N, C-alpha and C. Protein backbone atom coordinates (compact mmCIF):
# COMPACT_ATOMS: atom_id res chain seq x y z
N MET A 1 96.76 134.78 96.88
CA MET A 1 96.71 134.17 95.57
C MET A 1 95.59 133.12 95.56
N PRO A 2 94.62 133.30 94.70
CA PRO A 2 93.50 132.36 94.68
C PRO A 2 93.90 130.99 94.12
N ARG A 3 93.26 130.00 94.66
CA ARG A 3 93.45 128.64 94.17
C ARG A 3 92.23 128.24 93.34
N HIS A 4 92.49 127.49 92.31
CA HIS A 4 91.43 126.92 91.49
C HIS A 4 91.38 125.43 91.83
N HIS A 5 90.20 124.93 92.15
CA HIS A 5 90.03 123.55 92.60
C HIS A 5 89.26 122.73 91.58
N GLN A 6 89.62 121.47 91.49
CA GLN A 6 88.94 120.55 90.58
C GLN A 6 88.80 119.20 91.26
N PRO A 7 87.64 118.54 91.05
CA PRO A 7 87.48 117.19 91.60
C PRO A 7 88.25 116.17 90.75
N VAL A 8 88.80 115.17 91.42
CA VAL A 8 89.58 114.13 90.75
C VAL A 8 89.17 112.77 91.29
N ALA A 9 89.05 111.80 90.38
CA ALA A 9 88.79 110.41 90.76
C ALA A 9 90.01 109.58 90.37
N CYS A 10 90.47 108.76 91.30
CA CYS A 10 91.59 107.85 91.03
C CYS A 10 91.13 106.44 91.33
N ARG A 11 91.33 105.57 90.36
CA ARG A 11 91.03 104.15 90.57
C ARG A 11 92.34 103.47 90.97
N LEU A 12 92.34 102.91 92.19
CA LEU A 12 93.51 102.20 92.68
C LEU A 12 93.03 101.12 93.63
N ASP A 13 93.61 99.95 93.50
CA ASP A 13 93.24 98.79 94.32
C ASP A 13 91.77 98.45 94.13
N GLN A 14 91.31 98.58 92.89
CA GLN A 14 89.94 98.24 92.50
C GLN A 14 88.89 99.12 93.19
N ARG A 15 89.30 100.30 93.68
CA ARG A 15 88.37 101.22 94.33
C ARG A 15 88.58 102.63 93.79
N GLU A 16 87.50 103.40 93.80
CA GLU A 16 87.58 104.80 93.42
C GLU A 16 87.91 105.63 94.65
N HIS A 17 88.80 106.57 94.47
CA HIS A 17 89.19 107.52 95.51
C HIS A 17 88.98 108.91 94.92
N PHE A 18 88.26 109.77 95.63
CA PHE A 18 87.95 111.10 95.14
C PHE A 18 88.71 112.13 95.97
N LEU A 19 89.40 113.02 95.27
CA LEU A 19 90.26 114.01 95.91
C LEU A 19 90.03 115.38 95.30
N ILE A 20 90.62 116.39 95.92
CA ILE A 20 90.54 117.75 95.41
C ILE A 20 91.93 118.19 94.97
N TRP A 21 92.06 118.49 93.68
CA TRP A 21 93.30 119.01 93.10
C TRP A 21 93.20 120.53 93.08
N PHE A 22 94.35 121.21 93.21
CA PHE A 22 94.34 122.67 93.10
C PHE A 22 95.53 123.17 92.30
N SER A 23 95.35 124.37 91.78
CA SER A 23 96.42 125.10 91.12
C SER A 23 96.26 126.55 91.53
N ASP A 24 97.38 127.23 91.74
CA ASP A 24 97.27 128.65 92.09
C ASP A 24 97.90 129.52 91.01
N ASP A 25 97.83 130.81 91.18
CA ASP A 25 98.31 131.75 90.17
C ASP A 25 99.83 131.73 90.00
N GLU A 26 100.53 131.13 90.94
CA GLU A 26 101.99 131.04 90.85
C GLU A 26 102.43 129.71 90.23
N GLY A 27 101.49 128.91 89.78
CA GLY A 27 101.81 127.64 89.14
C GLY A 27 102.04 126.49 90.10
N LYS A 28 101.67 126.67 91.36
CA LYS A 28 101.82 125.58 92.33
C LYS A 28 100.59 124.68 92.24
N ASP A 29 100.82 123.40 92.01
CA ASP A 29 99.75 122.42 91.93
C ASP A 29 99.89 121.45 93.09
N GLY A 30 98.77 120.92 93.54
CA GLY A 30 98.80 119.96 94.62
C GLY A 30 97.41 119.42 94.89
N VAL A 31 97.27 118.76 96.01
CA VAL A 31 95.98 118.22 96.43
C VAL A 31 95.71 118.70 97.86
N VAL A 32 94.43 118.80 98.18
CA VAL A 32 94.03 119.24 99.51
C VAL A 32 94.27 118.10 100.50
N LEU A 33 94.84 118.47 101.64
CA LEU A 33 95.15 117.51 102.70
C LEU A 33 94.23 117.75 103.89
N THR A 34 94.12 116.74 104.72
CA THR A 34 93.40 116.85 105.99
C THR A 34 94.31 117.59 106.97
N PRO A 35 93.77 118.02 108.12
CA PRO A 35 94.62 118.64 109.15
C PRO A 35 95.76 117.71 109.61
N GLU A 36 95.57 116.39 109.46
CA GLU A 36 96.60 115.41 109.85
C GLU A 36 97.63 115.19 108.74
N ARG A 37 97.57 115.99 107.69
CA ARG A 37 98.50 115.94 106.54
C ARG A 37 98.36 114.64 105.75
N GLN A 38 97.15 114.10 105.71
CA GLN A 38 96.81 112.97 104.85
C GLN A 38 96.00 113.51 103.68
N LEU A 39 95.86 112.73 102.62
CA LEU A 39 95.05 113.15 101.49
C LEU A 39 93.60 113.25 101.91
N LEU A 40 92.96 114.36 101.56
CA LEU A 40 91.52 114.47 101.79
C LEU A 40 90.88 113.63 100.69
N CYS A 41 90.38 112.48 101.08
CA CYS A 41 89.95 111.46 100.13
C CYS A 41 88.59 110.93 100.56
N THR A 42 87.66 110.84 99.59
CA THR A 42 86.34 110.30 99.89
C THR A 42 86.07 109.11 98.97
N ALA A 43 85.02 108.38 99.28
CA ALA A 43 84.69 107.18 98.51
C ALA A 43 83.69 107.45 97.39
N SER A 44 83.17 108.69 97.30
CA SER A 44 82.22 109.01 96.23
C SER A 44 82.38 110.47 95.82
N GLU A 45 81.95 110.76 94.62
CA GLU A 45 82.00 112.14 94.14
C GLU A 45 81.06 113.02 94.96
N ALA A 46 79.88 112.49 95.30
CA ALA A 46 78.92 113.26 96.09
C ALA A 46 79.51 113.63 97.45
N ALA A 47 80.19 112.69 98.09
CA ALA A 47 80.82 112.96 99.39
C ALA A 47 81.93 114.00 99.25
N LEU A 48 82.68 113.92 98.14
CA LEU A 48 83.74 114.90 97.89
C LEU A 48 83.15 116.30 97.72
N ARG A 49 82.09 116.39 96.94
CA ARG A 49 81.45 117.70 96.71
C ARG A 49 80.91 118.27 98.02
N GLU A 50 80.34 117.43 98.85
CA GLU A 50 79.83 117.89 100.15
C GLU A 50 80.98 118.36 101.04
N ARG A 51 82.06 117.60 101.05
CA ARG A 51 83.24 118.00 101.86
C ARG A 51 83.81 119.31 101.35
N ALA A 52 83.89 119.47 100.03
CA ALA A 52 84.39 120.72 99.45
C ALA A 52 83.50 121.89 99.88
N ARG A 53 82.19 121.71 99.80
CA ARG A 53 81.26 122.77 100.23
C ARG A 53 81.50 123.15 101.69
N SER A 54 81.71 122.14 102.53
CA SER A 54 81.92 122.42 103.95
C SER A 54 83.22 123.19 104.19
N LEU A 55 84.16 123.07 103.26
CA LEU A 55 85.44 123.79 103.37
C LEU A 55 85.43 125.12 102.62
N GLY A 56 84.29 125.43 101.99
CA GLY A 56 84.20 126.68 101.23
C GLY A 56 84.90 126.62 99.88
N ILE A 57 85.09 125.40 99.37
CA ILE A 57 85.77 125.21 98.08
C ILE A 57 84.73 125.09 96.98
N THR A 58 84.93 125.87 95.92
CA THR A 58 84.09 125.80 94.73
C THR A 58 84.93 125.20 93.61
N PHE A 59 84.38 124.22 92.93
CA PHE A 59 85.13 123.57 91.85
C PHE A 59 85.04 124.36 90.55
N VAL A 60 86.16 124.38 89.85
CA VAL A 60 86.23 124.92 88.51
C VAL A 60 86.58 123.74 87.61
N GLY A 61 85.77 123.45 86.65
CA GLY A 61 86.06 122.33 85.75
C GLY A 61 85.37 121.05 86.19
N GLU A 62 85.42 120.11 85.30
CA GLU A 62 84.77 118.81 85.49
C GLU A 62 85.69 117.84 86.21
N LEU A 63 85.11 116.72 86.60
CA LEU A 63 85.86 115.65 87.25
C LEU A 63 86.91 115.08 86.30
N SER A 64 88.14 115.00 86.76
CA SER A 64 89.21 114.33 86.03
C SER A 64 89.39 112.94 86.62
N SER A 65 89.81 111.99 85.79
CA SER A 65 89.96 110.61 86.26
C SER A 65 91.32 110.05 85.89
N TYR A 66 91.86 109.24 86.79
CA TYR A 66 93.13 108.56 86.56
C TYR A 66 92.96 107.09 86.91
N ASP A 67 93.41 106.22 86.02
CA ASP A 67 93.35 104.78 86.26
C ASP A 67 94.70 104.32 86.77
N LEU A 68 94.90 104.43 88.07
CA LEU A 68 96.17 104.05 88.65
C LEU A 68 96.34 102.54 88.72
N ASP A 69 95.24 101.79 88.64
CA ASP A 69 95.35 100.33 88.53
C ASP A 69 96.04 99.95 87.22
N ALA A 70 95.69 100.64 86.14
CA ALA A 70 96.32 100.37 84.84
C ALA A 70 97.80 100.77 84.88
N VAL A 71 98.09 101.85 85.56
CA VAL A 71 99.49 102.29 85.70
C VAL A 71 100.27 101.25 86.48
N GLU A 72 99.70 100.81 87.60
CA GLU A 72 100.39 99.80 88.41
C GLU A 72 100.59 98.50 87.63
N ALA A 73 99.59 98.11 86.87
CA ALA A 73 99.72 96.89 86.06
C ALA A 73 100.91 97.02 85.10
N TRP A 74 101.06 98.19 84.47
CA TRP A 74 102.20 98.37 83.57
C TRP A 74 103.52 98.33 84.35
N THR A 75 103.55 98.90 85.56
CA THR A 75 104.81 98.92 86.32
C THR A 75 105.29 97.51 86.67
N ARG A 76 104.35 96.57 86.73
CA ARG A 76 104.75 95.18 87.00
C ARG A 76 105.45 94.55 85.80
N THR A 77 105.04 94.92 84.61
CA THR A 77 105.63 94.33 83.40
C THR A 77 106.85 95.12 82.92
N ARG A 78 106.80 96.43 83.09
CA ARG A 78 107.86 97.33 82.60
C ARG A 78 108.15 97.10 81.12
N ASP A 79 107.14 96.72 80.37
CA ASP A 79 107.30 96.40 78.95
C ASP A 79 107.47 97.68 78.14
N PRO A 80 108.66 97.90 77.56
CA PRO A 80 108.89 99.11 76.77
C PRO A 80 107.93 99.23 75.58
N ASP A 81 107.48 98.12 75.06
CA ASP A 81 106.59 98.14 73.90
C ASP A 81 105.14 98.43 74.30
N ALA A 82 104.84 98.42 75.57
CA ALA A 82 103.47 98.65 76.03
C ALA A 82 103.31 100.00 76.73
N ILE A 83 104.26 100.90 76.53
CA ILE A 83 104.16 102.22 77.16
C ILE A 83 103.06 103.03 76.47
N ASP A 84 102.09 103.42 77.27
CA ASP A 84 101.00 104.29 76.82
C ASP A 84 101.37 105.70 77.29
N CYS A 85 101.85 106.52 76.36
CA CYS A 85 102.39 107.84 76.72
C CYS A 85 101.37 108.69 77.49
N LYS A 86 100.13 108.71 77.05
CA LYS A 86 99.13 109.55 77.73
C LYS A 86 98.86 109.03 79.14
N LEU A 87 98.60 107.75 79.28
CA LEU A 87 98.32 107.17 80.59
C LEU A 87 99.45 107.44 81.57
N LEU A 88 100.69 107.17 81.15
CA LEU A 88 101.82 107.27 82.07
C LEU A 88 102.23 108.71 82.33
N LEU A 89 102.13 109.59 81.33
CA LEU A 89 102.43 111.00 81.57
C LEU A 89 101.40 111.62 82.50
N ASP A 90 100.12 111.32 82.26
CA ASP A 90 99.08 111.84 83.16
C ASP A 90 99.31 111.35 84.59
N ALA A 91 99.65 110.08 84.74
CA ALA A 91 99.90 109.54 86.08
C ALA A 91 101.12 110.20 86.71
N TRP A 92 102.17 110.39 85.95
CA TRP A 92 103.38 111.03 86.46
C TRP A 92 103.05 112.44 86.96
N ASN A 93 102.33 113.21 86.14
CA ASN A 93 101.97 114.57 86.54
C ASN A 93 101.08 114.56 87.77
N TRP A 94 100.08 113.66 87.79
CA TRP A 94 99.18 113.59 88.93
C TRP A 94 99.93 113.20 90.20
N LEU A 95 100.74 112.15 90.13
CA LEU A 95 101.50 111.71 91.30
C LEU A 95 102.51 112.77 91.74
N GLY A 96 103.03 113.53 90.80
CA GLY A 96 103.91 114.65 91.14
C GLY A 96 103.17 115.71 91.96
N ASP A 97 101.92 116.00 91.56
CA ASP A 97 101.12 116.96 92.33
C ASP A 97 100.80 116.42 93.72
N VAL A 98 100.49 115.14 93.79
CA VAL A 98 100.21 114.52 95.09
C VAL A 98 101.46 114.61 95.97
N THR A 99 102.59 114.23 95.43
CA THR A 99 103.81 114.22 96.24
C THR A 99 104.26 115.63 96.62
N SER A 100 103.96 116.63 95.77
CA SER A 100 104.34 118.00 96.15
C SER A 100 103.57 118.45 97.38
N SER A 101 102.38 117.92 97.58
CA SER A 101 101.60 118.25 98.78
C SER A 101 102.10 117.48 100.00
N LEU A 102 102.77 116.37 99.77
CA LEU A 102 103.28 115.51 100.84
C LEU A 102 104.79 115.70 100.98
N ARG A 103 105.25 116.92 100.86
CA ARG A 103 106.68 117.25 100.77
C ARG A 103 107.59 116.44 101.67
N SER A 104 107.28 116.38 102.93
CA SER A 104 108.21 115.74 103.87
C SER A 104 108.34 114.24 103.64
N ARG A 105 107.41 113.64 102.90
CA ARG A 105 107.45 112.19 102.66
C ARG A 105 107.86 111.84 101.24
N ALA A 106 108.16 112.85 100.43
CA ALA A 106 108.31 112.62 98.99
C ALA A 106 109.75 112.67 98.49
N ASP A 107 110.73 112.58 99.35
CA ASP A 107 112.12 112.75 98.93
C ASP A 107 112.54 111.76 97.84
N LEU A 108 112.17 110.49 97.98
CA LEU A 108 112.59 109.50 96.98
C LEU A 108 111.94 109.78 95.63
N PHE A 109 110.66 110.14 95.63
CA PHE A 109 109.97 110.46 94.37
C PHE A 109 110.61 111.68 93.72
N VAL A 110 110.85 112.73 94.49
CA VAL A 110 111.44 113.96 93.96
C VAL A 110 112.82 113.68 93.37
N ALA A 111 113.63 112.89 94.05
CA ALA A 111 114.97 112.57 93.56
C ALA A 111 114.91 111.77 92.26
N ALA A 112 114.01 110.79 92.20
CA ALA A 112 113.87 109.98 90.98
C ALA A 112 113.35 110.84 89.84
N ASP A 113 112.38 111.69 90.14
CA ASP A 113 111.79 112.58 89.14
C ASP A 113 112.86 113.48 88.51
N ALA A 114 113.73 114.02 89.33
CA ALA A 114 114.77 114.94 88.86
C ALA A 114 115.75 114.28 87.89
N LYS A 115 115.88 112.97 87.96
CA LYS A 115 116.84 112.26 87.12
C LYS A 115 116.24 111.79 85.78
N LEU A 116 114.93 111.96 85.62
CA LEU A 116 114.27 111.36 84.46
C LEU A 116 113.72 112.38 83.46
N ASN A 117 114.40 113.51 83.31
CA ASN A 117 113.91 114.54 82.40
C ASN A 117 113.76 114.04 80.97
N LYS A 118 114.71 113.24 80.48
CA LYS A 118 114.63 112.74 79.11
C LYS A 118 113.44 111.79 78.93
N VAL A 119 113.18 110.97 79.93
CA VAL A 119 112.04 110.06 79.87
C VAL A 119 110.74 110.87 79.86
N TYR A 120 110.67 111.89 80.71
CA TYR A 120 109.49 112.76 80.75
C TYR A 120 109.27 113.41 79.38
N ASP A 121 110.34 113.93 78.81
CA ASP A 121 110.23 114.58 77.50
C ASP A 121 109.73 113.62 76.43
N LYS A 122 110.19 112.39 76.47
CA LYS A 122 109.72 111.40 75.48
C LYS A 122 108.22 111.12 75.66
N LEU A 123 107.80 110.97 76.91
CA LEU A 123 106.37 110.77 77.17
C LEU A 123 105.57 111.97 76.69
N PHE A 124 106.06 113.16 77.02
CA PHE A 124 105.36 114.38 76.64
C PHE A 124 105.20 114.47 75.13
N HIS A 125 106.30 114.31 74.40
CA HIS A 125 106.24 114.40 72.94
C HIS A 125 105.48 113.23 72.33
N GLY A 126 105.47 112.09 73.01
CA GLY A 126 104.70 110.94 72.55
C GLY A 126 103.20 111.15 72.62
N ASN A 127 102.76 112.19 73.32
CA ASN A 127 101.33 112.53 73.36
C ASN A 127 100.89 113.24 72.09
N ASN A 128 101.85 113.74 71.30
CA ASN A 128 101.56 114.40 70.02
C ASN A 128 100.47 115.46 70.15
N LEU A 129 100.64 116.33 71.13
CA LEU A 129 99.68 117.41 71.33
C LEU A 129 99.73 118.38 70.15
N PRO A 130 98.58 118.83 69.66
CA PRO A 130 98.55 119.72 68.50
C PRO A 130 99.38 120.99 68.66
N ALA A 131 99.47 121.51 69.87
CA ALA A 131 100.24 122.74 70.09
C ALA A 131 101.75 122.50 70.00
N VAL A 132 102.17 121.24 70.05
CA VAL A 132 103.59 120.91 70.06
C VAL A 132 104.01 120.18 68.78
N THR A 133 103.13 119.36 68.24
CA THR A 133 103.44 118.53 67.08
C THR A 133 102.93 119.19 65.81
N ALA A 134 103.80 119.32 64.83
CA ALA A 134 103.42 119.95 63.56
C ALA A 134 102.34 119.11 62.86
N PRO A 135 101.50 119.77 62.07
CA PRO A 135 100.48 119.03 61.31
C PRO A 135 101.12 117.93 60.46
N ARG A 136 100.46 116.80 60.41
CA ARG A 136 100.91 115.63 59.65
C ARG A 136 102.20 115.01 60.17
N GLU A 137 102.62 115.43 61.36
CA GLU A 137 103.77 114.82 62.02
C GLU A 137 103.25 113.92 63.14
N HIS A 138 104.04 112.91 63.48
CA HIS A 138 103.67 112.03 64.58
C HIS A 138 104.95 111.46 65.17
N TYR A 139 105.10 111.60 66.48
CA TYR A 139 106.27 111.09 67.17
C TYR A 139 105.91 109.83 67.92
N GLU A 140 106.61 108.78 67.63
CA GLU A 140 106.44 107.49 68.31
C GLU A 140 107.76 107.17 69.00
N PRO A 141 107.86 107.37 70.33
CA PRO A 141 109.14 107.14 71.01
C PRO A 141 109.54 105.66 71.00
N THR A 142 110.83 105.46 70.97
CA THR A 142 111.41 104.14 71.13
C THR A 142 111.98 104.09 72.54
N TRP A 143 111.63 103.04 73.28
CA TRP A 143 112.00 102.95 74.68
C TRP A 143 113.00 101.84 74.93
N SER A 144 113.98 102.13 75.75
CA SER A 144 114.92 101.08 76.18
C SER A 144 114.35 100.40 77.42
N ALA A 145 114.86 99.21 77.70
CA ALA A 145 114.44 98.51 78.91
C ALA A 145 114.81 99.31 80.15
N SER A 146 115.94 99.98 80.10
CA SER A 146 116.39 100.79 81.24
C SER A 146 115.44 101.97 81.48
N GLU A 147 115.02 102.65 80.42
CA GLU A 147 114.07 103.76 80.58
C GLU A 147 112.75 103.26 81.14
N ALA A 148 112.28 102.13 80.64
CA ALA A 148 111.02 101.57 81.13
C ALA A 148 111.14 101.20 82.60
N SER A 149 112.25 100.62 82.99
CA SER A 149 112.47 100.23 84.38
C SER A 149 112.52 101.46 85.29
N ASP A 150 113.23 102.50 84.86
CA ASP A 150 113.33 103.73 85.65
C ASP A 150 111.95 104.39 85.79
N LEU A 151 111.18 104.42 84.71
CA LEU A 151 109.84 105.00 84.74
C LEU A 151 108.94 104.20 85.69
N ALA A 152 109.01 102.89 85.61
CA ALA A 152 108.20 102.04 86.49
C ALA A 152 108.57 102.27 87.95
N ALA A 153 109.86 102.40 88.25
CA ALA A 153 110.29 102.63 89.63
C ALA A 153 109.74 103.96 90.15
N LEU A 154 109.79 105.00 89.33
CA LEU A 154 109.25 106.30 89.74
C LEU A 154 107.76 106.21 90.03
N LEU A 155 107.03 105.59 89.12
CA LEU A 155 105.58 105.49 89.29
C LEU A 155 105.23 104.64 90.51
N ARG A 156 105.98 103.59 90.77
CA ARG A 156 105.74 102.77 91.96
C ARG A 156 105.95 103.59 93.24
N LEU A 157 106.97 104.46 93.24
CA LEU A 157 107.20 105.33 94.40
C LEU A 157 105.99 106.26 94.61
N GLY A 158 105.48 106.83 93.53
CA GLY A 158 104.31 107.70 93.64
C GLY A 158 103.09 106.96 94.13
N LEU A 159 102.88 105.74 93.62
CA LEU A 159 101.73 104.93 94.07
C LEU A 159 101.87 104.57 95.54
N GLN A 160 103.09 104.28 95.97
CA GLN A 160 103.32 103.94 97.38
C GLN A 160 102.99 105.13 98.27
N LEU A 161 103.40 106.33 97.86
CA LEU A 161 103.08 107.53 98.64
C LEU A 161 101.57 107.77 98.69
N PHE A 162 100.92 107.58 97.55
CA PHE A 162 99.48 107.77 97.48
C PHE A 162 98.78 106.85 98.47
N ARG A 163 99.16 105.58 98.45
CA ARG A 163 98.54 104.61 99.36
C ARG A 163 98.79 104.97 100.82
N ALA A 164 100.00 105.37 101.12
CA ALA A 164 100.35 105.65 102.52
C ALA A 164 99.66 106.90 103.07
N ALA A 165 99.27 107.81 102.19
CA ALA A 165 98.73 109.09 102.64
C ALA A 165 97.20 109.19 102.53
N ARG A 166 96.54 108.12 102.07
CA ARG A 166 95.08 108.25 101.96
C ARG A 166 94.39 107.80 103.21
């Protein structure tokens, strides 16, 4: 089953980290790891492209970017009124792909993720994607402090795994 690879930039701890994301025909998404089971991570896009070439990886698509510093800043406040559905859903999906590649270290993230389906659905619908939201409709979720706290805890777990595996 062929994998499709894409370059990804993540801003965390005031630094850019460049990684390789993949998806296969069976719907499995993840990131490329080193032989030591750490994230294959470089400090520049050029270095990432060179590393990909050396591994025989060809990229499909443009560089995607995630501002994990902004996500972490929100997790400190857990302000329900400051939830940015796109930012946090993108981060959740990205960190989910990262943790799926780090299976043996991701138990806490996977357990928290499994309990937050309603929160995920609210974030998803809060993106108001044209394929999901009817014309002239707009969904603005209302968040409880408990939902915001649970979401922040999940994202903090993902950020912790990301840091530990780079």
